[in-house]
Amino acid sequence: MDRTYELISSLSAIPAVSGREDMGIQQLAELCEGYFDSYEITPLGSLIGRINSGIEGAKTLLLDAHLDEVGFLVNEICEGGFLKVVNIGG
């Protein structure tokens, strides 16, 4: 459980505002090193990890997820504690 918590905490801490995921993808690759037999970062910035089953003719399974996150910048704190924000990123 501790390893799972640490992994999720590390993944959540990666700065990856939409359109600026390049730094985050490298950190993700480093975090996932022990989980894949091989991995690559594509020219468009996707991380592809492979785990070989060793079974000839085995079916392929794809797990797909997004790394990017919605980014906001607080530009005003209003009465009552409400925030006015502007988006950042793509």
PDB file of N, CA and C in Angstrom:
ATOM      1  N   MET A   1       0.825  -1.195   0.000  1.00  0.00           N
ATOM      2  CA  MET A   1       0.000   0.000   0.000  1.00  0.00           C
ATOM      3  C   MET A   1       0.867   1.256   0.000  1.00  0.00           C
ATOM      4  N   ASP A   2       1.950   1.262   0.752  1.00  0.00           N
ATOM      5  CA  ASP A   2       2.822   2.434   0.806  1.00  0.00           C
ATOM      6  C   ASP A   2       3.413   2.758  -0.559  1.00  0.00           C
ATOM      7  N   ARG A   3       3.787   1.719  -1.308  1.00  0.00           N
ATOM      8  CA  ARG A   3       4.369   1.940  -2.637  1.00  0.00           C
ATOM      9  C   ARG A   3       3.329   2.559  -3.575  1.00  0.00           C
ATOM     10  N   THR A   4       2.092   2.078  -3.493  1.00  0.00           N
ATOM     11  CA  THR A   4       1.018   2.634  -4.315  1.00  0.00           C
ATOM     12  C   THR A   4       0.764   4.086  -3.949  1.00  0.00           C
ATOM     13  N   TYR A   5       0.715   4.384  -2.662  1.00  0.00           N
ATOM     14  CA  TYR A   5       0.499   5.758  -2.197  1.00  0.00           C
ATOM     15  C   TYR A   5       1.621   6.672  -2.689  1.00  0.00           C
ATOM     16  N   GLU A   6       2.857   6.198  -2.573  1.00  0.00           N
ATOM     17  CA  GLU A   6       4.002   7.000  -3.019  1.00  0.00           C
ATOM     18  C   GLU A   6       3.955   7.248  -4.526  1.00  0.00           C
ATOM     19  N   LEU A   7       3.565   6.226  -5.294  1.00  0.00           N
ATOM     20  CA  LEU A   7       3.481   6.377  -6.746  1.00  0.00           C
ATOM     21  C   LEU A   7       2.399   7.386  -7.119  1.00  0.00           C
ATOM     22  N   ILE A   8       1.226   7.260  -6.523  1.00  0.00           N
ATOM     23  CA  ILE A   8       0.134   8.188  -6.829  1.00  0.00           C
ATOM     24  C   ILE A   8       0.495   9.603  -6.395  1.00  0.00           C
ATOM     25  N   SER A   9       1.134   9.742  -5.249  1.00  0.00           N
ATOM     26  CA  SER A   9       1.569  11.068  -4.791  1.00  0.00           C
ATOM     27  C   SER A   9       2.578  11.675  -5.760  1.00  0.00           C
ATOM     28  N   SER A  10       3.520  10.872  -6.213  1.00  0.00           N
ATOM     29  CA  SER A  10       4.532  11.353  -7.162  1.00  0.00           C
ATOM     30  C   SER A  10       3.899  11.752  -8.493  1.00  0.00           C
ATOM     31  N   LEU A  11       2.961  10.934  -8.983  1.00  0.00           N
ATOM     32  CA  LEU A  11       2.287  11.246 -10.243  1.00  0.00           C
ATOM     33  C   LEU A  11       1.470  12.529 -10.128  1.00  0.00           C
ATOM     34  N   SER A  12       0.815  12.712  -8.995  1.00  0.00           N
ATOM     35  CA  SER A  12      -0.012  13.906  -8.780  1.00  0.00           C
ATOM     36  C   SER A  12       0.823  15.175  -8.677  1.00  0.00           C
ATOM     37  N   ALA A  13       2.073  15.048  -8.291  1.00  0.00           N
ATOM     38  CA  ALA A  13       2.946  16.213  -8.105  1.00  0.00           C
ATOM     39  C   ALA A  13       3.637  16.660  -9.398  1.00  0.00           C
ATOM     40  N   ILE A  14       3.495  15.890 -10.474  1.00  0.00           N
ATOM     41  CA  ILE A  14       4.150  16.236 -11.736  1.00  0.00           C
ATOM     42  C   ILE A  14       3.456  17.452 -12.350  1.00  0.00           C
ATOM     43  N   PRO A  15       4.211  18.525 -12.606  1.00  0.00           N
ATOM     44  CA  PRO A  15       3.606  19.699 -13.254  1.00  0.00           C
ATOM     45  C   PRO A  15       3.407  19.411 -14.745  1.00  0.00           C
ATOM     46  N   ALA A  16       2.160  19.376 -15.193  1.00  0.00           N
ATOM     47  CA  ALA A  16       1.892  19.018 -16.589  1.00  0.00           C
ATOM     48  C   ALA A  16       0.655  19.743 -17.110  1.00  0.00           C
ATOM     49  N   VAL A  17       0.711  21.067 -17.095  1.00  0.00           N
ATOM     50  CA  VAL A  17      -0.398  21.846 -17.629  1.00  0.00           C
ATOM     51  C   VAL A  17      -0.556  21.508 -19.109  1.00  0.00           C
ATOM     52  N   SER A  18      -1.778  21.401 -19.567  1.00  0.00           N
ATOM     53  CA  SER A  18      -2.070  21.045 -20.951  1.00  0.00           C
ATOM     54  C   SER A  18      -1.268  21.903 -21.925  1.00  0.00           C
ATOM     55  N   GLY A  19      -0.578  21.228 -22.844  1.00  0.00           N
ATOM     56  CA  GLY A  19       0.270  21.918 -23.808  1.00  0.00           C
ATOM     57  C   GLY A  19       1.712  22.041 -23.368  1.00  0.00           C
ATOM     58  N   ARG A  20       1.983  21.723 -22.115  1.00  0.00           N
ATOM     59  CA  ARG A  20       3.353  21.823 -21.577  1.00  0.00           C
ATOM     60  C   ARG A  20       3.706  20.569 -20.772  1.00  0.00           C
ATOM     61  N   GLU A  21       3.446  19.424 -21.367  1.00  0.00           N
ATOM     62  CA  GLU A  21       3.647  18.165 -20.660  1.00  0.00           C
ATOM     63  C   GLU A  21       5.054  17.607 -20.792  1.00  0.00           C
ATOM     64  N   ASP A  22       5.945  18.266 -21.551  1.00  0.00           N
ATOM     65  CA  ASP A  22       7.256  17.696 -21.860  1.00  0.00           C
ATOM     66  C   ASP A  22       8.079  17.368 -20.620  1.00  0.00           C
ATOM     67  N   MET A  23       8.090  18.236 -19.625  1.00  0.00           N
ATOM     68  CA  MET A  23       8.836  17.949 -18.399  1.00  0.00           C
ATOM     69  C   MET A  23       8.164  16.806 -17.629  1.00  0.00           C
ATOM     70  N   GLY A  24       6.862  16.798 -17.632  1.00  0.00           N
ATOM     71  CA  GLY A  24       6.114  15.775 -16.913  1.00  0.00           C
ATOM     72  C   GLY A  24       6.286  14.392 -17.495  1.00  0.00           C
ATOM     73  N   ILE A  25       6.365  14.297 -18.821  1.00  0.00           N
ATOM     74  CA  ILE A  25       6.482  12.986 -19.441  1.00  0.00           C
ATOM     75  C   ILE A  25       7.813  12.333 -19.090  1.00  0.00           C
ATOM     76  N   GLN A  26       8.868  13.121 -18.975  1.00  0.00           N
ATOM     77  CA  GLN A  26      10.172  12.578 -18.585  1.00  0.00           C
ATOM     78  C   GLN A  26      10.130  12.076 -17.143  1.00  0.00           C
ATOM     79  N   GLN A  27       9.492  12.829 -16.253  1.00  0.00           N
ATOM     80  CA  GLN A  27       9.356  12.398 -14.858  1.00  0.00           C
ATOM     81  C   GLN A  27       8.520  11.126 -14.773  1.00  0.00           C
ATOM     82  N   LEU A  28       7.455  11.052 -15.572  1.00  0.00           N
ATOM     83  CA  LEU A  28       6.617   9.854 -15.590  1.00  0.00           C
ATOM     84  C   LEU A  28       7.419   8.647 -16.054  1.00  0.00           C
ATOM     85  N   ALA A  29       8.232   8.830 -17.084  1.00  0.00           N
ATOM     86  CA  ALA A  29       9.063   7.733 -17.586  1.00  0.00           C
ATOM     87  C   ALA A  29      10.004   7.224 -16.498  1.00  0.00           C
ATOM     88  N   GLU A  30      10.606   8.133 -15.751  1.00  0.00           N
ATOM     89  CA  GLU A  30      11.512   7.734 -14.672  1.00  0.00           C
ATOM     90  C   GLU A  30      10.762   6.991 -13.566  1.00  0.00           C
ATOM     91  N   LEU A  31       9.556   7.436 -13.236  1.00  0.00           N
ATOM     92  CA  LEU A  31       8.761   6.759 -12.209  1.00  0.00           C
ATOM     93  C   LEU A  31       8.357   5.353 -12.641  1.00  0.00           C
ATOM     94  N   CYS A  32       8.128   5.167 -13.933  1.00  0.00           N
ATOM     95  CA  CYS A  32       7.620   3.891 -14.440  1.00  0.00           C
ATOM     96  C   CYS A  32       8.716   2.921 -14.863  1.00  0.00           C
ATOM     97  N   GLU A  33       9.971   3.320 -14.738  1.00  0.00           N
ATOM     98  CA  GLU A  33      11.076   2.484 -15.210  1.00  0.00           C
ATOM     99  C   GLU A  33      10.992   1.040 -14.736  1.00  0.00           C
ATOM    100  N   GLY A  34      10.693   0.794 -13.492  1.00  0.00           N
ATOM    101  CA  GLY A  34      10.666  -0.561 -12.968  1.00  0.00           C
ATOM    102  C   GLY A  34       9.435  -1.363 -13.332  1.00  0.00           C
ATOM    103  N   TYR A  35       8.455  -0.723 -13.971  1.00  0.00           N
ATOM    104  CA  TYR A  35       7.203  -1.399 -14.291  1.00  0.00           C
ATOM    105  C   TYR A  35       7.170  -1.974 -15.705  1.00  0.00           C
ATOM    106  N   PHE A  36       8.017  -1.473 -16.612  1.00  0.00           N
ATOM    107  CA  PHE A  36       7.988  -1.897 -18.003  1.00  0.00           C
ATOM    108  C   PHE A  36       9.261  -2.640 -18.372  1.00  0.00           C
ATOM    109  N   ASP A  37       9.126  -3.558 -19.336  1.00  0.00           N
ATOM    110  CA  ASP A  37      10.307  -4.203 -19.903  1.00  0.00           C
ATOM    111  C   ASP A  37      11.064  -3.216 -20.788  1.00  0.00           C
ATOM    112  N   SER A  38      10.320  -2.362 -21.466  1.00  0.00           N
ATOM    113  CA  SER A  38      10.918  -1.308 -22.287  1.00  0.00           C
ATOM    114  C   SER A  38       9.913  -0.172 -22.411  1.00  0.00           C
ATOM    115  N   TYR A  39      10.429   1.018 -22.714  1.00  0.00           N
ATOM    116  CA  TYR A  39       9.535   2.149 -22.951  1.00  0.00           C
ATOM    117  C   TYR A  39      10.206   3.135 -23.890  1.00  0.00           C
ATOM    118  N   GLU A  40       9.387   3.982 -24.490  1.00  0.00           N
ATOM    119  CA  GLU A  40       9.900   5.041 -25.357  1.00  0.00           C
ATOM    120  C   GLU A  40       9.010   6.264 -25.226  1.00  0.00           C
ATOM    121  N   ILE A  41       9.600   7.418 -25.470  1.00  0.00           N
ATOM    122  CA  ILE A  41       8.848   8.662 -25.551  1.00  0.00           C
ATOM    123  C   ILE A  41       8.808   9.027 -27.027  1.00  0.00           C
ATOM    124  N   THR A  42       7.610   9.132 -27.579  1.00  0.00           N
ATOM    125  CA  THR A  42       7.449   9.405 -29.004  1.00  0.00           C
ATOM    126  C   THR A  42       7.758  10.872 -29.308  1.00  0.00           C
ATOM    127  N   PRO A  43       7.983  11.200 -30.585  1.00  0.00           N
ATOM    128  CA  PRO A  43       8.245  12.599 -30.954  1.00  0.00           C
ATOM    129  C   PRO A  43       7.114  13.561 -30.561  1.00  0.00           C
ATOM    130  N   LEU A  44       5.885  13.063 -30.439  1.00  0.00           N
ATOM    131  CA  LEU A  44       4.762  13.912 -30.032  1.00  0.00           C
ATOM    132  C   LEU A  44       4.586  13.957 -28.519  1.00  0.00           C
ATOM    133  N   GLY A  45       5.464  13.271 -27.780  1.00  0.00           N
ATOM    134  CA  GLY A  45       5.441  13.363 -26.327  1.00  0.00           C
ATOM    135  C   GLY A  45       4.605  12.329 -25.609  1.00  0.00           C
ATOM    136  N   SER A  46       4.262  11.236 -26.271  1.00  0.00           N
ATOM    137  CA  SER A  46       3.542  10.150 -25.607  1.00  0.00           C
ATOM    138  C   SER A  46       4.543   9.167 -25.015  1.00  0.00           C
ATOM    139  N   LEU A  47       4.171   8.557 -23.910  1.00  0.00           N
ATOM    140  CA  LEU A  47       4.995   7.514 -23.297  1.00  0.00           C
ATOM    141  C   LEU A  47       4.369   6.171 -23.632  1.00  0.00           C
ATOM    142  N   ILE A  48       5.139   5.302 -24.265  1.00  0.00           N
ATOM    143  CA  ILE A  48       4.668   3.964 -24.591  1.00  0.00           C
ATOM    144  C   ILE A  48       5.520   2.980 -23.810  1.00  0.00           C
ATOM    145  N   GLY A  49       4.892   2.253 -22.894  1.00  0.00           N
ATOM    146  CA  GLY A  49       5.582   1.240 -22.102  1.00  0.00           C
ATOM    147  C   GLY A  49       5.139  -0.145 -22.535  1.00  0.00           C
ATOM    148  N   ARG A  50       6.052  -1.079 -22.540  1.00  0.00           N
ATOM    149  CA  ARG A  50       5.727  -2.439 -22.965  1.00  0.00           C
ATOM    150  C   ARG A  50       6.109  -3.435 -21.873  1.00  0.00           C
ATOM    151  N   ILE A  51       5.189  -4.361 -21.644  1.00  0.00           N
ATOM    152  CA  ILE A  51       5.441  -5.492 -20.750  1.00  0.00           C
ATOM    153  C   ILE A  51       5.234  -6.745 -21.590  1.00  0.00           C
ATOM    154  N   ASN A  52       6.276  -7.516 -21.756  1.00  0.00           N
ATOM    155  CA  ASN A  52       6.192  -8.728 -22.568  1.00  0.00           C
ATOM    156  C   ASN A  52       5.712  -9.895 -21.721  1.00  0.00           C
ATOM    157  N   SER A  53       4.706 -10.618 -22.228  1.00  0.00           N
ATOM    158  CA  SER A  53       4.172 -11.762 -21.487  1.00  0.00           C
ATOM    159  C   SER A  53       5.043 -12.998 -21.661  1.00  0.00           C
ATOM    160  N   GLY A  54       5.772 -13.057 -22.760  1.00  0.00           N
ATOM    161  CA  GLY A  54       6.574 -14.239 -23.033  1.00  0.00           C
ATOM    162  C   GLY A  54       5.756 -15.370 -23.634  1.00  0.00           C
ATOM    163  N   ILE A  55       4.474 -15.120 -23.900  1.00  0.00           N
ATOM    164  CA  ILE A  55       3.592 -16.137 -24.473  1.00  0.00           C
ATOM    165  C   ILE A  55       3.361 -15.802 -25.943  1.00  0.00           C
ATOM    166  N   GLU A  56       3.763 -16.713 -26.815  1.00  0.00           N
ATOM    167  CA  GLU A  56       3.589 -16.469 -28.243  1.00  0.00           C
ATOM    168  C   GLU A  56       2.106 -16.403 -28.588  1.00  0.00           C
ATOM    169  N   GLY A  57       1.738 -15.383 -29.363  1.00  0.00           N
ATOM    170  CA  GLY A  57       0.348 -15.226 -29.787  1.00  0.00           C
ATOM    171  C   GLY A  57      -0.567 -14.629 -28.730  1.00  0.00           C
ATOM    172  N   ALA A  58       0.013 -14.173 -27.619  1.00  0.00           N
ATOM    173  CA  ALA A  58      -0.814 -13.583 -26.556  1.00  0.00           C
ATOM    174  C   ALA A  58      -1.495 -12.319 -27.067  1.00  0.00           C
ATOM    175  N   LYS A  59      -2.674 -12.061 -26.552  1.00  0.00           N
ATOM    176  CA  LYS A  59      -3.413 -10.855 -26.928  1.00  0.00           C
ATOM    177  C   LYS A  59      -2.703  -9.625 -26.372  1.00  0.00           C
ATOM    178  N   THR A  60      -2.952  -8.494 -27.005  1.00  0.00           N
ATOM    179  CA  THR A  60      -2.372  -7.222 -26.589  1.00  0.00           C
ATOM    180  C   THR A  60      -3.401  -6.448 -25.787  1.00  0.00           C
ATOM    181  N   LEU A  61      -2.961  -5.826 -24.724  1.00  0.00           N
ATOM    182  CA  LEU A  61      -3.825  -5.003 -23.878  1.00  0.00           C
ATOM    183  C   LEU A  61      -3.278  -3.582 -23.877  1.00  0.00           C
ATOM    184  N   LEU A  62      -4.140  -2.602 -24.100  1.00  0.00           N
ATOM    185  CA  LEU A  62      -3.746  -1.198 -24.088  1.00  0.00           C
ATOM    186  C   LEU A  62      -4.362  -0.520 -22.876  1.00  0.00           C
ATOM    187  N   LEU A  63      -3.531   0.124 -22.084  1.00  0.00           N
ATOM    188  CA  LEU A  63      -3.998   0.988 -21.000  1.00  0.00           C
ATOM    189  C   LEU A  63      -3.638   2.404 -21.409  1.00  0.00           C
ATOM    190  N   ASP A  64      -4.615   3.283 -21.407  1.00  0.00           N
ATOM    191  CA  ASP A  64      -4.425   4.638 -21.912  1.00  0.00           C
ATOM    192  C   ASP A  64      -4.825   5.634 -20.838  1.00  0.00           C
ATOM    193  N   ALA A  65      -4.018   6.668 -20.660  1.00  0.00           N
ATOM    194  CA  ALA A  65      -4.325   7.693 -19.656  1.00  0.00           C
ATOM    195  C   ALA A  65      -3.750   9.029 -20.104  1.00  0.00           C
ATOM    196  N   HIS A  66      -4.278  10.092 -19.543  1.00  0.00           N
ATOM    197  CA  HIS A  66      -3.786  11.438 -19.826  1.00  0.00           C
ATOM    198  C   HIS A  66      -2.854  11.888 -18.715  1.00  0.00           C
ATOM    199  N   LEU A  67      -1.807  12.582 -19.087  1.00  0.00           N
ATOM    200  CA  LEU A  67      -0.878  13.145 -18.112  1.00  0.00           C
ATOM    201  C   LEU A  67      -1.206  14.601 -17.822  1.00  0.00           C
ATOM    202  N   ASP A  68      -1.752  15.283 -18.822  1.00  0.00           N
ATOM    203  CA  ASP A  68      -1.958  16.724 -18.666  1.00  0.00           C
ATOM    204  C   ASP A  68      -3.071  17.039 -17.662  1.00  0.00           C
ATOM    205  N   GLU A  69      -3.047  18.267 -17.213  1.00  0.00           N
ATOM    206  CA  GLU A  69      -4.023  18.730 -16.228  1.00  0.00           C
ATOM    207  C   GLU A  69      -4.490  20.128 -16.607  1.00  0.00           C
ATOM    208  N   VAL A  70      -5.665  20.482 -16.134  1.00  0.00           N
ATOM    209  CA  VAL A  70      -6.186  21.824 -16.366  1.00  0.00           C
ATOM    210  C   VAL A  70      -5.400  22.790 -15.491  1.00  0.00           C
ATOM    211  N   GLY A  71      -4.958  23.893 -16.079  1.00  0.00           N
ATOM    212  CA  GLY A  71      -4.174  24.872 -15.325  1.00  0.00           C
ATOM    213  C   GLY A  71      -4.930  26.176 -15.146  1.00  0.00           C
ATOM    214  N   PHE A  72      -4.880  26.691 -13.939  1.00  0.00           N
ATOM    215  CA  PHE A  72      -5.512  27.980 -13.637  1.00  0.00           C
ATOM    216  C   PHE A  72      -4.538  28.857 -12.869  1.00  0.00           C
ATOM    217  N   LEU A  73      -4.713  30.146 -13.011  1.00  0.00           N
ATOM    218  CA  LEU A  73      -3.942  31.122 -12.264  1.00  0.00           C
ATOM    219  C   LEU A  73      -4.943  32.046 -11.578  1.00  0.00           C
ATOM    220  N   VAL A  74      -4.808  32.188 -10.265  1.00  0.00           N
ATOM    221  CA  VAL A  74      -5.706  33.070  -9.520  1.00  0.00           C
ATOM    222  C   VAL A  74      -5.318  34.509  -9.831  1.00  0.00           C
ATOM    223  N   ASN A  75      -6.286  35.288 -10.332  1.00  0.00           N
ATOM    224  CA  ASN A  75      -5.976  36.691 -10.620  1.00  0.00           C
ATOM    225  C   ASN A  75      -6.745  37.660  -9.719  1.00  0.00           C
ATOM    226  N   GLU A  76      -7.650  37.125  -8.894  1.00  0.00           N
ATOM    227  CA  GLU A  76      -8.345  37.996  -7.944  1.00  0.00           C
ATOM    228  C   GLU A  76      -8.995  37.156  -6.847  1.00  0.00           C
ATOM    229  N   ILE A  77      -8.873  37.626  -5.617  1.00  0.00           N
ATOM    230  CA  ILE A  77      -9.581  37.015  -4.491  1.00  0.00           C
ATOM    231  C   ILE A  77     -10.726  37.957  -4.142  1.00  0.00           C
ATOM    232  N   CYS A  78     -11.936  37.455  -4.267  1.00  0.00           N
ATOM    233  CA  CYS A  78     -13.127  38.280  -4.078  1.00  0.00           C
ATOM    234  C   CYS A  78     -13.644  38.187  -2.645  1.00  0.00           C
ATOM    235  N   GLU A  79     -14.596  39.043  -2.368  1.00  0.00           N
ATOM    236  CA  GLU A  79     -15.243  39.045  -1.055  1.00  0.00           C
ATOM    237  C   GLU A  79     -15.857  37.668  -0.809  1.00  0.00           C
ATOM    238  N   GLY A  80     -15.743  37.204   0.395  1.00  0.00           N
ATOM    239  CA  GLY A  80     -16.275  35.892   0.752  1.00  0.00           C
ATOM    240  C   GLY A  80     -15.330  34.755   0.415  1.00  0.00           C
ATOM    241  N   GLY A  81     -14.131  35.073  -0.080  1.00  0.00           N
ATOM    242  CA  GLY A  81     -13.143  34.034  -0.350  1.00  0.00           C
ATOM    243  C   GLY A  81     -13.239  33.403  -1.726  1.00  0.00           C
ATOM    244  N   PHE A  82     -14.140  33.883  -2.573  1.00  0.00           N
ATOM    245  CA  PHE A  82     -14.237  33.339  -3.923  1.00  0.00           C
ATOM    246  C   PHE A  82     -13.036  33.788  -4.750  1.00  0.00           C
ATOM    247  N   LEU A  83     -12.667  32.955  -5.714  1.00  0.00           N
ATOM    248  CA  LEU A  83     -11.498  33.242  -6.548  1.00  0.00           C
ATOM    249  C   LEU A  83     -11.916  33.495  -7.988  1.00  0.00           C
ATOM    250  N   LYS A  84     -11.269  34.449  -8.624  1.00  0.00           N
ATOM    251  CA  LYS A  84     -11.388  34.625 -10.068  1.00  0.00           C
ATOM    252  C   LYS A  84     -10.099  34.083 -10.663  1.00  0.00           C
ATOM    253  N   VAL A  85     -10.259  33.254 -11.691  1.00  0.00           N
ATOM    254  CA  VAL A  85      -9.098  32.594 -12.281  1.00  0.00           C
ATOM    255  C   VAL A  85      -9.072  32.808 -13.784  1.00  0.00           C
ATOM    256  N   VAL A  86      -7.891  32.643 -14.348  1.00  0.00           N
ATOM    257  CA  VAL A  86      -7.717  32.592 -15.802  1.00  0.00           C
ATOM    258  C   VAL A  86      -7.026  31.274 -16.119  1.00  0.00           C
ATOM    259  N   ASN A  87      -7.351  30.722 -17.289  1.00  0.00           N
ATOM    260  CA  ASN A  87      -6.726  29.446 -17.634  1.00  0.00           C
ATOM    261  C   ASN A  87      -5.312  29.666 -18.152  1.00  0.00           C
ATOM    262  N   ILE A  88      -4.466  28.670 -17.947  1.00  0.00           N
ATOM    263  CA  ILE A  88      -3.115  28.660 -18.503  1.00  0.00           C
ATOM    264  C   ILE A  88      -2.922  27.325 -19.196  1.00  0.00           C
ATOM    265  N   GLY A  89      -2.058  27.279 -20.140  1.00  0.00           N
ATOM    266  CA  GLY A  89      -1.841  26.048 -20.884  1.00  0.00           C
ATOM    267  C   GLY A  89      -2.686  26.024 -22.137  1.00  0.00           C
ATOM    268  N   GLY A  90      -2.819  24.806 -22.719  1.00  0.00           N
ATOM    269  CA  GLY A  90      -3.522  24.668 -23.994  1.00  0.00           C
ATOM    270  C   GLY A  90      -4.996  24.557 -23.890  1.00  0.00           C
TER     271      GLY A  90
END
